[in-house]
Protein backbone atom coordinates (compact mmCIF):
# COMPACT_ATOMS: atom_id res chain seq x y z
CA MET A 1 0.41 0.19 0.03
CA LYS A 2 1.45 3.65 -1.25
CA ARG A 3 1.71 6.11 1.62
CA GLU A 4 1.25 9.67 0.51
CA TYR A 5 2.76 12.27 3.18
CA TYR A 6 2.72 16.27 3.49
CA VAL A 7 4.56 17.52 1.14
CA GLY A 8 6.27 20.37 2.28
CA GLY A 9 2.79 21.35 3.67
CA GLU A 10 1.25 21.26 0.74
CA TYR A 11 -1.55 17.91 0.42
CA THR A 12 -0.99 15.60 -2.02
CA PRO A 13 -3.04 15.28 -4.63
CA THR A 14 -5.47 12.69 -3.20
CA GLN A 15 -5.31 14.14 -0.52
CA ALA A 16 -6.76 17.37 -1.48
CA VAL A 17 -9.68 15.92 -3.25
CA ILE A 18 -10.63 13.91 -0.08
CA ARG A 19 -10.54 17.49 1.96
CA GLN A 20 -12.58 18.93 -0.61
CA ARG A 21 -14.78 16.50 -0.78
CA THR A 22 -15.03 17.05 2.94
CA LEU A 23 -15.70 20.24 3.02
CA ASP A 24 -18.38 20.21 0.12
CA LEU A 25 -19.97 18.02 2.25
CA ARG A 26 -20.11 19.93 5.75
CA TRP A 27 -21.01 22.67 3.09
CA LEU A 28 -24.32 20.26 2.22
CA LEU A 29 -24.73 19.14 5.86
CA ASP A 30 -24.63 23.23 7.23
CA ASN A 31 -27.14 23.73 4.48
CA GLN A 32 -29.81 20.73 5.39
CA PHE A 33 -29.28 19.76 2.00
CA GLU A 34 -31.76 16.09 1.73
CA GLU A 35 -29.73 12.90 1.58
CA VAL A 36 -30.98 12.35 -1.93
CA ILE A 37 -28.60 15.38 -2.58
CA LEU A 38 -25.72 14.21 -1.09
CA LEU A 39 -25.78 11.30 -2.60
CA ALA A 40 -26.66 13.02 -6.15
CA VAL A 41 -23.32 15.23 -5.43
CA MET A 42 -20.72 13.17 -3.59
CA ASN A 43 -21.49 9.18 -4.52
CA TYR A 44 -22.65 9.42 -8.02
CA ASP A 45 -21.31 12.89 -9.41
CA MET A 46 -24.85 13.89 -11.02
CA LEU A 47 -24.53 16.95 -9.22
CA ASP A 48 -21.79 19.34 -9.43
CA ILE A 49 -21.20 21.33 -6.72
CA ASP A 50 -20.81 25.13 -7.68
CA LEU A 51 -23.73 24.42 -9.27
CA VAL A 52 -25.39 23.59 -5.64
CA LYS A 53 -23.28 26.31 -4.53
CA SER A 54 -24.69 29.00 -6.90
CA MET A 55 -28.56 27.57 -6.97
CA THR A 56 -28.33 27.89 -3.44
CA ASP A 57 -27.07 31.46 -3.50
CA ARG A 58 -29.75 32.50 -6.38
CA PHE A 59 -32.46 31.18 -4.59
CA GLY A 60 -31.88 30.14 -0.90
CA ALA A 61 -30.88 26.88 0.00
CA ALA A 62 -34.77 25.66 0.53
CA GLU A 63 -36.14 26.63 -3.14
CA ALA A 64 -33.15 25.11 -4.92
CA GLN A 65 -33.33 22.27 -3.23
CA ILE A 66 -36.76 21.90 -5.26
CA ARG A 67 -35.19 22.28 -7.82
CA LEU A 68 -33.10 19.97 -7.55
CA ILE A 69 -35.02 16.81 -7.03
CA GLU A 70 -36.76 18.19 -9.98
CA PHE A 71 -33.68 18.09 -11.99
CA LEU A 72 -32.24 14.46 -10.38
CA ARG A 73 -36.63 13.03 -11.12
CA ASP A 74 -35.78 13.42 -15.05
């Protein structure tokens, strides 16, 4: 098993991806998104986190969630 270490205080590419996914998940949970949205973003890559964030900024979390769930149903 290959071990990855911090290099010069920077994350390795794998660590950077894991850290960003963790921050994205925390943001989704903080904004109280439902499981279907979390799964679509985190597991299936059906939704882009940047799209979710921009819709949340534009419509608010509740309205964005409704629109995103409708999008996933189609």
